[in-house]
Protein backbone atom coordinates (compact mmCIF):
# COMPACT_ATOMS: atom_id res chain seq x y z
CA MET A 1 0.00 0.00 0.00
CA SER A 2 1.15 3.52 -0.66
CA ALA A 3 0.45 6.89 0.86
CA ILE A 4 -3.22 7.88 0.79
CA ARG A 5 -4.03 10.59 -1.75
CA MET A 6 -7.47 12.17 -1.81
CA PRO A 7 -9.11 14.32 -4.55
CA GLU A 8 -9.58 18.04 -4.02
CA PRO A 9 -12.66 18.77 -1.88
CA ASP A 10 -15.73 20.28 -3.46
CA ALA A 11 -17.65 23.34 -2.22
CA GLN A 12 -19.97 21.32 0.01
CA VAL A 13 -17.06 19.63 1.73
CA LEU A 14 -15.32 22.97 2.24
CA ALA A 15 -18.44 24.44 3.79
CA ARG A 16 -18.72 21.44 6.15
CA ARG A 17 -15.11 21.91 7.22
CA ALA A 18 -15.63 25.59 7.85
CA GLU A 19 -18.68 24.80 9.98
CA ILE A 20 -16.75 22.24 12.06
CA ILE A 21 -13.79 24.59 12.59
CA ALA A 22 -16.09 27.42 13.67
CA ALA A 23 -17.82 25.14 16.17
CA LEU A 24 -14.49 23.98 17.63
CA GLU A 25 -13.34 27.56 18.00
CA LYS A 26 -16.35 28.20 20.23
CA ILE A 27 -15.18 25.41 22.56
CA LEU A 28 -11.45 26.15 22.56
CA PRO A 29 -9.36 29.31 22.27
CA LYS A 30 -8.74 30.03 18.60
CA GLU A 31 -5.02 29.30 18.93
CA SER A 32 -5.86 25.78 20.11
CA VAL A 33 -7.58 24.93 16.81
CA VAL A 34 -5.08 24.27 14.01
CA SER A 35 -6.64 24.43 10.55
CA THR A 36 -4.43 25.99 7.85
CA PRO A 37 -2.62 23.68 5.44
CA THR A 38 0.82 24.80 6.65
CA GLN A 39 -0.12 24.32 10.32
CA LEU A 40 -1.62 20.88 9.64
CA ARG A 41 1.45 19.52 7.83
CA PRO A 42 3.30 18.28 10.97
CA TYR A 43 0.23 16.22 11.94
CA GLU A 44 -0.37 14.43 8.64
CA THR A 45 1.51 11.26 9.69
CA ASP A 46 2.90 9.41 12.67
CA ALA A 47 6.05 7.27 12.78
CA LEU A 48 4.63 5.01 10.04
CA THR A 49 5.61 7.69 7.51
CA ALA A 50 4.61 5.76 4.39
CA TYR A 51 1.03 6.91 5.07
CA ARG A 52 -0.06 10.56 5.11
CA GLN A 53 -3.40 12.22 5.50
CA THR A 54 -4.48 15.77 6.31
CA PRO A 55 -7.36 16.15 8.83
CA ILE A 56 -10.00 18.83 8.85
CA ALA A 57 -8.38 20.38 11.91
CA VAL A 58 -6.25 19.59 14.93
CA VAL A 59 -7.56 20.49 18.35
CA LEU A 60 -5.36 20.90 21.42
CA PRO A 61 -7.57 20.79 24.53
CA GLU A 62 -6.08 21.43 27.99
CA THR A 63 -8.86 20.19 30.34
CA THR A 64 -11.01 17.09 30.61
CA GLU A 65 -14.13 19.22 30.25
CA GLN A 66 -12.86 20.63 26.95
CA VAL A 67 -12.30 17.07 25.69
CA ALA A 68 -15.82 16.19 26.77
CA GLN A 69 -17.32 19.20 25.00
CA ILE A 70 -15.44 18.42 21.78
CA LEU A 71 -16.57 14.80 21.80
CA ARG A 72 -20.18 15.75 22.54
CA TYR A 73 -20.15 18.08 19.54
CA CYS A 74 -18.51 15.48 17.28
CA SER A 75 -20.92 12.79 18.44
CA ALA A 76 -23.98 14.94 17.79
CA ASN A 77 -22.68 15.99 14.40
CA LYS A 78 -21.14 12.67 13.31
CA VAL A 79 -17.59 14.06 13.11
CA LYS A 80 -14.81 11.46 13.30
CA VAL A 81 -12.05 11.92 15.89
CA VAL A 82 -8.52 10.51 16.01
CA PRO A 83 -6.73 10.84 19.41
CA ARG A 84 -2.98 11.49 19.21
CA GLY A 85 -0.19 11.56 21.73
CA ALA A 86 3.40 12.25 20.68
CA GLY A 87 2.88 10.66 17.26
CA THR A 88 5.52 7.93 17.71
CA SER A 89 3.13 5.13 16.68
CA LEU A 90 4.81 2.71 14.29
CA SER A 91 1.59 1.07 13.16
CA GLY A 92 -0.28 4.14 11.88
CA GLY A 93 -2.47 4.31 14.98
CA ALA A 94 -2.48 8.14 14.96
CA LEU A 95 -2.95 8.58 11.21
CA PRO A 96 -5.55 11.33 10.74
CA LEU A 97 -8.73 11.06 8.70
CA GLU A 98 -9.43 13.36 5.77
CA ASP A 99 -13.05 13.73 6.98
CA GLY A 100 -12.27 13.95 10.72
CA ILE A 101 -10.41 15.95 13.32
CA LEU A 102 -7.24 15.06 15.15
CA MET A 103 -7.23 15.51 18.92
CA SER A 104 -3.73 16.13 20.23
CA MET A 105 -3.30 15.45 23.94
CA MET A 106 0.09 17.08 24.28
CA LYS A 107 -1.16 20.00 26.34
CA PHE A 108 -2.03 17.42 29.03
CA ASN A 109 1.60 17.48 30.09
CA ARG A 110 1.68 17.73 33.87
CA ILE A 111 2.34 15.23 36.61
CA LEU A 112 -0.43 15.76 39.10
CA ASP A 113 0.57 13.73 42.17
CA VAL A 114 3.54 11.66 43.36
CA ASP A 115 2.54 9.22 46.10
CA LEU A 116 5.62 7.16 46.94
CA PRO A 117 4.12 5.47 50.05
CA ASN A 118 1.59 3.95 47.63
CA ARG A 119 4.17 3.66 44.86
CA ALA A 120 1.85 5.56 42.52
CA VAL A 121 2.10 8.58 40.23
CA VAL A 122 -0.91 10.39 38.81
CA THR A 123 -0.06 11.97 35.48
CA GLN A 124 -1.70 13.52 32.47
CA PRO A 125 -1.41 11.49 29.25
CA GLY A 126 0.90 13.89 27.43
CA VAL A 127 3.77 13.38 29.89
CA THR A 128 6.61 11.40 28.33
CA ASN A 129 7.42 7.91 29.43
CA LEU A 130 10.86 8.93 30.65
CA GLY A 131 9.38 12.01 32.32
CA ILE A 132 7.69 9.81 34.92
CA THR A 133 10.96 8.16 35.87
CA ARG A 134 12.75 11.49 36.10
CA GLU A 135 10.09 12.71 38.48
CA VAL A 136 10.73 9.93 41.00
CA GLU A 137 14.31 8.79 40.39
CA HIS A 138 15.69 11.04 43.14
CA ALA A 139 13.87 8.81 45.63
CA GLY A 140 15.11 5.56 44.04
CA PHE A 141 11.98 4.78 42.01
CA TYR A 142 11.28 4.37 38.30
CA PHE A 143 8.52 3.58 35.79
CA ALA A 144 9.23 0.09 34.42
CA PRO A 145 7.92 0.10 30.80
CA ASP A 146 10.78 1.54 28.70
CA PRO A 147 10.16 1.51 24.94
CA SER A 148 13.04 2.69 22.80
CA SER A 149 11.13 5.94 22.12
CA GLN A 150 10.73 6.62 25.86
CA LEU A 151 12.37 10.03 25.57
CA ALA A 152 9.58 11.18 23.27
CA CYS A 153 6.56 8.84 23.52
CA SER A 154 3.69 9.83 25.80
CA VAL A 155 2.21 7.69 28.55
CA GLY A 156 -1.22 8.05 26.93
CA GLY A 157 0.19 6.57 23.74
CA ASN A 158 1.88 3.81 25.77
CA ILE A 159 -1.55 2.84 27.12
CA ALA A 160 -3.14 3.00 23.64
CA GLU A 161 -0.59 0.51 22.27
CA ASN A 162 0.27 -1.39 25.51
CA SER A 163 3.93 -0.52 25.00
CA GLY A 164 6.71 -2.62 26.45
CA GLY A 165 10.46 -2.23 26.24
CA VAL A 166 13.71 -3.92 27.08
CA HIS A 167 12.73 -4.59 30.70
CA SER A 168 9.20 -5.85 30.06
CA LEU A 169 10.32 -9.50 30.39
CA LYS A 170 10.61 -9.20 34.19
CA TYR A 171 8.59 -6.13 35.01
CA GLY A 172 5.72 -6.26 32.55
CA LEU A 173 4.15 -4.22 29.79
CA THR A 174 2.18 -1.04 30.31
CA THR A 175 -0.90 -3.02 31.26
CA ASN A 176 0.97 -4.48 34.23
CA ASN A 177 1.91 -1.02 35.47
CA VAL A 178 -1.32 0.99 35.12
CA LEU A 179 -3.56 1.37 38.18
CA GLY A 180 -6.20 3.84 37.13
CA LEU A 181 -7.59 5.95 34.27
CA GLU A 182 -9.85 8.92 33.75
CA MET A 183 -11.33 8.87 30.29
CA VAL A 184 -13.96 10.50 28.09
CA LEU A 185 -16.30 8.40 26.00
CA MET A 186 -17.39 9.44 22.52
CA ASN A 187 -20.69 10.78 23.87
CA GLY A 188 -18.84 13.06 26.31
CA ASP A 189 -19.32 11.01 29.46
CA ILE A 190 -16.38 11.20 31.88
CA ILE A 191 -15.65 8.03 33.79
CA ARG A 192 -12.91 6.70 36.11
CA LEU A 193 -11.47 3.25 36.42
CA GLY A 194 -9.27 1.98 39.20
CA GLY A 195 -7.10 4.22 41.38
CA LYS A 196 -4.05 3.81 43.59
CA HIS A 197 -5.19 0.40 44.80
CA LEU A 198 -3.79 -2.72 43.15
CA ASP A 199 -6.91 -4.78 42.53
CA SER A 200 -9.85 -4.09 40.23
CA GLU A 201 -13.13 -3.61 42.08
CA ALA A 202 -15.30 -4.90 39.21
CA TYR A 203 -14.77 -5.97 35.60
CA ASP A 204 -11.16 -5.37 34.65
CA LEU A 205 -11.86 -2.59 32.21
CA LEU A 206 -8.36 -1.22 32.73
CA ALA A 207 -6.99 -4.18 30.81
CA LEU A 208 -9.62 -3.65 28.12
CA LEU A 209 -8.62 -0.01 27.65
CA THR A 210 -4.90 -0.70 27.66
CA GLY A 211 -4.01 -1.62 24.12
CA SER A 212 -7.36 -0.44 22.69
CA GLU A 213 -5.55 1.89 20.22
CA GLY A 214 -7.80 4.91 20.79
CA LEU A 215 -10.91 3.10 19.55
CA LEU A 216 -12.85 3.15 22.81
CA ALA A 217 -12.20 6.45 24.68
CA VAL A 218 -9.90 9.45 25.05
CA ILE A 219 -7.69 9.10 28.15
CA THR A 220 -7.24 12.33 30.18
CA GLU A 221 -5.56 11.09 33.38
CA VAL A 222 -3.44 8.08 34.26
CA THR A 223 -2.37 6.49 37.57
CA VAL A 224 0.69 4.31 37.19
CA ARG A 225 2.67 2.26 39.65
CA VAL A 226 6.34 2.99 40.09
CA LEU A 227 8.90 0.49 41.29
CA GLN A 228 11.91 0.78 43.60
CA LYS A 229 15.15 0.52 41.71
CA PRO A 230 16.90 -2.84 42.16
CA GLU A 231 19.74 -3.01 44.67
CA GLY A 232 22.16 -3.78 41.89
CA GLN A 233 22.25 -4.24 38.11
CA GLN A 234 24.82 -5.71 35.77
CA ALA A 235 24.60 -6.30 32.04
CA VAL A 236 26.61 -8.73 29.96
CA LEU A 237 27.30 -8.61 26.22
CA VAL A 238 27.55 -12.05 24.62
CA GLY A 239 28.57 -12.58 20.98
CA PHE A 240 27.66 -15.68 18.97
CA PRO A 241 28.92 -17.12 15.69
CA THR A 242 25.38 -17.55 14.34
CA ILE A 243 22.03 -15.96 15.16
CA ILE A 244 20.54 -19.44 15.47
CA ALA A 245 22.93 -20.22 18.34
CA ALA A 246 21.87 -16.98 20.03
CA GLY A 247 18.21 -17.83 19.61
CA GLN A 248 18.72 -21.23 21.21
CA CYS A 249 20.59 -19.56 24.07
CA VAL A 250 17.57 -17.37 24.78
CA ALA A 251 15.33 -20.43 25.05
CA ASP A 252 17.85 -22.23 27.27
CA ILE A 253 18.17 -19.32 29.73
CA ILE A 254 14.41 -19.12 30.21
CA ALA A 255 14.15 -22.91 30.44
CA ALA A 256 16.70 -22.81 33.29
CA GLY A 257 14.30 -20.69 35.32
CA ILE A 258 16.33 -17.48 34.97
CA ILE A 259 14.29 -14.30 34.40
CA PRO A 260 16.68 -11.49 33.52
CA GLY A 261 15.70 -7.86 34.01
CA GLY A 262 16.17 -7.58 30.25
CA MET A 263 17.35 -9.84 27.45
CA GLU A 264 17.80 -8.46 23.95
CA LEU A 265 19.11 -9.99 20.72
CA MET A 266 20.60 -8.24 17.67
CA ASP A 267 21.88 -9.58 14.38
CA ASN A 268 25.13 -8.48 12.75
CA LEU A 269 23.54 -5.76 10.60
CA SER A 270 22.02 -4.24 13.73
CA ILE A 271 25.22 -4.67 15.75
CA VAL A 272 27.31 -2.77 13.19
CA ALA A 273 24.70 -0.05 12.71
CA ALA A 274 24.34 0.56 16.45
CA GLU A 275 28.10 0.46 17.10
CA ASN A 276 28.81 2.98 14.36
CA TYR A 277 26.10 5.21 15.79
CA VAL A 278 26.86 5.01 19.55
CA ASN A 279 30.31 3.38 19.98
CA ALA A 280 28.99 1.09 22.71
CA GLY A 281 31.83 -1.40 22.37
CA TYR A 282 29.83 -4.06 20.54
CA PRO A 283 31.77 -6.93 18.87
CA THR A 284 31.10 -6.20 15.19
CA GLU A 285 32.58 -9.55 14.14
CA ALA A 286 29.76 -11.43 15.92
CA ALA A 287 26.84 -12.75 13.88
CA ALA A 288 24.56 -12.10 16.81
CA LEU A 289 24.74 -10.23 20.11
CA MET A 290 22.77 -10.77 23.27
CA ILE A 291 22.45 -8.14 26.02
CA ILE A 292 21.45 -9.85 29.28
CA GLU A 293 20.80 -7.74 32.37
CA LEU A 294 20.57 -9.30 35.83
CA ASP A 295 19.38 -7.35 38.85
CA GLY A 296 18.85 -7.72 42.60
CA PRO A 297 21.29 -8.19 45.53
CA GLN A 298 24.89 -8.54 44.37
CA ALA A 299 25.16 -12.13 45.68
CA GLU A 300 22.19 -13.11 43.50
CA ILE A 301 23.63 -11.30 40.45
CA THR A 302 26.97 -13.06 40.87
CA ASP A 303 25.30 -16.47 41.05
CA LEU A 304 23.09 -15.78 38.02
CA LEU A 305 26.06 -14.48 35.99
CA ALA A 306 27.79 -17.82 36.54
CA GLN A 307 24.72 -19.75 35.41
CA VAL A 308 24.26 -17.52 32.36
CA GLU A 309 27.94 -17.87 31.41
CA ALA A 310 27.65 -21.66 31.49
CA ILE A 311 24.56 -21.58 29.23
CA THR A 312 26.16 -19.12 26.76
CA GLN A 313 29.34 -21.21 26.53
CA LYS A 314 27.24 -24.31 25.91
CA ASN A 315 25.71 -22.49 22.94
CA GLY A 316 29.08 -21.55 21.46
CA ALA A 317 29.54 -17.95 22.62
CA ILE A 318 32.64 -16.28 21.12
CA TYR A 319 32.61 -13.02 23.11
CA GLN A 320 31.59 -11.95 26.61
CA ARG A 321 31.91 -8.66 28.46
CA ILE A 322 30.29 -7.81 31.81
CA SER A 323 29.54 -4.22 32.76
CA GLN A 324 31.79 -2.95 35.56
CA SER A 325 29.99 0.33 36.28
CA GLU A 326 26.60 1.97 35.93
CA GLU A 327 27.96 4.07 33.08
CA GLU A 328 29.14 1.01 31.18
CA ARG A 329 25.78 -0.76 31.76
CA ALA A 330 23.93 2.33 30.42
CA LEU A 331 26.26 2.37 27.37
CA PHE A 332 25.42 -1.25 26.57
CA TRP A 333 21.74 -0.33 26.50
CA ALA A 334 22.31 2.94 24.64
CA GLY A 335 23.42 0.97 21.59
CA ARG A 336 20.32 -1.20 21.64
CA LYS A 337 17.95 1.74 22.19
CA SER A 338 19.61 3.57 19.31
CA ALA A 339 19.23 0.73 16.85
CA PHE A 340 16.22 2.21 15.10
CA PRO A 341 17.71 5.66 14.38
CA ALA A 342 21.02 3.98 13.52
CA PHE A 343 19.30 2.22 10.63
CA GLY A 344 18.54 5.64 9.16
CA ARG A 345 22.18 5.67 8.02
CA LEU A 346 21.79 2.43 6.08
CA ALA A 347 18.83 3.27 3.81
CA PRO A 348 16.51 6.17 3.06
CA ASP A 349 13.58 4.36 4.64
CA PHE A 350 12.79 1.35 6.80
CA LEU A 351 9.73 -0.43 8.17
CA CYS A 352 9.98 -1.36 11.84
CA MET A 353 7.85 -4.47 12.21
CA ASP A 354 6.47 -6.02 15.39
CA GLY A 355 5.34 -9.58 15.98
CA THR A 356 5.57 -12.05 18.82
CA ILE A 357 6.41 -15.76 18.82
CA PRO A 358 6.89 -18.58 21.35
CA ARG A 359 10.50 -18.32 22.51
CA ALA A 360 11.30 -21.92 21.53
CA LYS A 361 10.42 -21.09 17.91
CA LEU A 362 13.07 -18.36 17.64
CA PRO A 363 15.71 -20.43 15.81
CA GLU A 364 13.12 -21.72 13.30
CA VAL A 365 11.73 -18.21 12.65
CA LEU A 366 15.17 -16.70 12.20
CA LEU A 367 16.03 -19.30 9.53
CA GLU A 368 12.79 -18.61 7.65
CA MET A 369 13.36 -14.85 7.84
CA GLU A 370 16.72 -15.28 6.11
CA ALA A 371 14.90 -17.03 3.26
CA LEU A 372 12.36 -14.20 3.11
CA GLU A 373 15.19 -11.68 2.60
CA GLN A 374 16.15 -13.58 -0.55
CA LYS A 375 12.53 -13.86 -1.70
CA HIS A 376 11.83 -10.12 -1.47
CA GLY A 377 15.31 -8.84 -2.38
CA LEU A 378 15.54 -6.48 0.59
CA ARG A 379 17.88 -6.34 3.58
CA CYS A 380 16.40 -6.83 7.04
CA GLY A 381 18.02 -6.12 10.39
CA ASN A 382 16.71 -7.91 13.46
CA VAL A 383 16.45 -6.68 17.03
CA PHE A 384 14.33 -8.63 19.51
CA HIS A 385 12.96 -8.39 23.00
CA ALA A 386 14.22 -11.91 22.99
CA GLY A 387 13.09 -12.96 26.45
CA ASP A 388 9.37 -12.52 25.63
CA GLY A 389 9.60 -13.43 21.95
CA ASN A 390 8.83 -9.93 20.67
CA LEU A 391 10.48 -9.46 17.24
CA HIS A 392 11.35 -6.09 15.72
CA PRO A 393 12.60 -6.74 12.15
CA LEU A 394 13.70 -3.56 10.34
CA ILE A 395 13.15 -3.83 6.61
CA LEU A 396 15.31 -1.42 4.57
CA TYR A 397 13.93 0.14 1.39
CA ASP A 398 13.86 3.35 -0.67
CA ALA A 399 10.46 4.96 -1.10
CA ASN A 400 11.75 6.82 -4.16
CA LYS A 401 12.51 3.56 -5.93
CA PRO A 402 9.44 2.21 -7.74
CA GLY A 403 8.12 -0.96 -6.16
CA ASP A 404 10.38 -0.82 -3.07
CA LEU A 405 7.64 0.20 -0.60
CA GLU A 406 5.31 -2.50 -1.92
CA ALA A 407 8.10 -5.06 -1.63
CA ALA A 408 8.85 -3.96 1.94
CA GLU A 409 5.23 -4.27 2.92
CA ALA A 410 4.94 -7.70 1.30
CA PHE A 411 8.08 -8.76 3.22
CA GLY A 412 6.60 -7.47 6.49
CA ALA A 413 3.32 -9.23 5.87
CA ASP A 414 5.15 -12.50 5.31
CA ILE A 415 7.00 -12.08 8.60
CA LEU A 416 3.74 -11.52 10.46
CA ARG A 417 2.11 -14.53 8.78
CA LEU A 418 5.10 -16.54 9.91
CA CYS A 419 4.65 -15.36 13.50
CA VAL A 420 1.01 -16.55 13.49
CA LYS A 421 1.98 -19.83 11.74
CA VAL A 422 4.37 -20.83 14.56
CA GLY A 423 1.82 -20.04 17.28
CA GLY A 424 2.56 -16.35 17.85
CA VAL A 425 0.59 -13.13 17.32
CA LEU A 426 0.59 -10.22 14.90
CA THR A 427 1.89 -7.66 17.37
CA GLY A 428 3.65 -7.33 20.68
CA GLU A 429 3.66 -3.65 21.54
CA HIS A 430 3.25 -1.54 18.39
CA GLY A 431 -0.45 -2.28 17.96
CA VAL A 432 -2.44 -3.11 14.84
CA GLY A 433 -3.33 0.37 13.54
CA ILE A 434 -3.51 0.36 9.75
CA GLU A 435 -0.21 -1.52 9.29
CA LYS A 436 -1.56 -4.91 10.36
CA ARG A 437 -5.28 -4.25 9.99
CA ASP A 438 -5.73 -6.28 6.78
CA LEU A 439 -3.79 -9.17 8.28
CA MET A 440 -6.20 -9.62 11.22
CA PRO A 441 -8.05 -12.47 9.39
CA GLU A 442 -4.77 -14.40 9.43
CA MET A 443 -5.18 -14.70 13.19
CA PHE A 444 -8.90 -14.22 13.87
CA SER A 445 -12.00 -15.79 12.35
CA GLU A 446 -14.91 -13.62 11.24
CA THR A 447 -16.69 -14.67 14.42
CA ASP A 448 -13.73 -13.59 16.52
CA LEU A 449 -13.62 -10.19 14.87
CA ALA A 450 -17.37 -9.71 15.24
CA HIS A 451 -17.14 -10.28 18.99
CA GLN A 452 -14.37 -7.69 19.19
CA GLU A 453 -16.43 -5.25 17.13
CA ARG A 454 -19.29 -5.57 19.61
CA ILE A 455 -17.00 -4.12 22.29
CA LYS A 456 -16.21 -1.24 19.95
CA CYS A 457 -19.96 -0.73 19.42
CA ALA A 458 -20.64 -0.64 23.16
CA PHE A 459 -18.26 2.31 23.55
CA ASP A 460 -18.68 4.00 20.17
CA PRO A 461 -21.87 2.91 18.36
CA HIS A 462 -21.39 5.21 15.39
CA HIS A 463 -17.73 4.30 14.76
CA LEU A 464 -16.53 7.87 15.15
CA LEU A 465 -13.50 7.31 17.36
CA ASN A 466 -10.39 6.37 15.37
CA PRO A 467 -12.30 4.41 12.71
CA GLY A 468 -10.40 2.59 9.98
CA LYS A 469 -7.90 1.15 12.46
CA VAL A 470 -7.54 -2.46 13.73
CA PHE A 471 -10.66 -3.95 12.02
CA PRO A 472 -10.23 -4.89 8.35
CA GLN A 473 -13.92 -4.15 7.75
CA LEU A 474 -16.53 -2.64 10.03
CA HIS A 475 -20.05 -3.91 10.55
CA ARG A 476 -22.84 -1.53 11.44
CA CYS A 477 -23.48 -1.89 15.14
CA ALA A 478 -27.21 -2.46 14.62
CA GLU A 479 -26.43 -5.42 12.34
CA LEU A 480 -23.99 -6.90 14.84
CA GLY A 481 -26.72 -6.79 17.49
CA LYS A 482 -28.97 -8.93 15.34
CA MET A 483 -26.37 -11.51 14.40
CA HIS A 484 -26.25 -14.96 15.93
CA ILE A 485 -22.49 -15.36 15.98
CA SER A 486 -22.36 -18.85 17.48
CA GLY A 487 -22.08 -20.42 14.03
CA GLY A 488 -21.86 -19.80 10.30
CA LYS A 489 -20.05 -17.04 8.42
CA LEU A 490 -20.88 -13.40 8.92
CA PRO A 491 -21.73 -11.14 5.99
CA PHE A 492 -19.43 -8.12 5.68
CA PRO A 493 -21.40 -5.16 4.39
CA ASP A 494 -19.66 -2.94 1.86
CA ILE A 495 -18.76 -0.07 4.17
CA PRO A 496 -16.22 2.50 2.96
CA ARG A 497 -12.81 2.21 4.48
CA PHE A 498 -9.21 3.13 3.64
């Protein structure tokens, strides 16, 4: 698929846009409604830059009540709304709609309460992921989810995509670290879920909202749990002669009952790119590199390091280096976290894919991905959250070369089909968005998808909130309500979509 291009709007469409913009300017200060072509240009895409679309307007509310008023107006007038955080989504989750408005939450940028006795922080959704840790690190606490974009990505976006990171193996994804939400439904209702307590008092709607990709509500406040920093941390770099050996080592470490604080895997293309970008001291001669971090009391770390070394040697490790200081440990991770920007030096464009597989299938999948490189004629670098089987292949291409984008997308689709084939899933932390939307039938039956759509209908019966994402084709909610979905195939009405 290529970037979306729409025809010039006619007079009726222009009049409709002017009416919507005028109504929004009655709710918000005029400077908080962005509507000129030049002003809208920065919002036409997110981090999946192959797709671009200009919305009617961008609104920048500052209060929950303003969000509610905007959604009430849009609901009453059937105006589509796309919520947006920092725009770092790699699956097109924040791509605007040509016939809708974009709601930027980046003015919701304050931390409201730090409650260390309850190990909780109440924050607005526009605060960056790393901003939460910086607020509490003086007291020895941190926010565990740490995606590579943590310097820029917002906590609201983390919730929308259920983001993870290099330490998610031991400390969980966003869903494991969210305690409460304030959110606004499409009809303008303001509701709260959870709080500073650890257990849900009713249905676990927090888990439903986390990873819902902006399809169910607009989040205006978040309560997260923060953790006390481990007593000690050491990371070890381990080089391998083949990526297959490294993949087997990952499986063996987990099978031994060892749960590292983080365990990442990079292939040679990624090693060289990251080393040239950061100078982290990576062994560029290795075919694969593992970064294994162990944390806790020093006696426990020392014991685990010995066990890990025995396993790595059994799998043919050719290089090992243990961090001897906090600065050196941080440098090891700096290379891994810079892998994505480092690939910008290797090709004009790349697709950063995201799929998850059972850990034991890693060697098999890596072999098949090598064959896919030959099939599609494109280079692919591999970085993995290896401990939890979350793959991040980076497919290099040149959007200015005819056919390259299409080849890259076909390559990515084959990787995701492979993930499902071996018992995995289409995504780990990037979400479905538009990138994986048309692959959903590879994993879900029509009945499965219809059940999921019923949840969407319960929150947003007119499909106004971030439509066109996740579901390959939308049913009308009234039709879903009449369907007996216990058996037989469901008809898919011809409803316009991207």
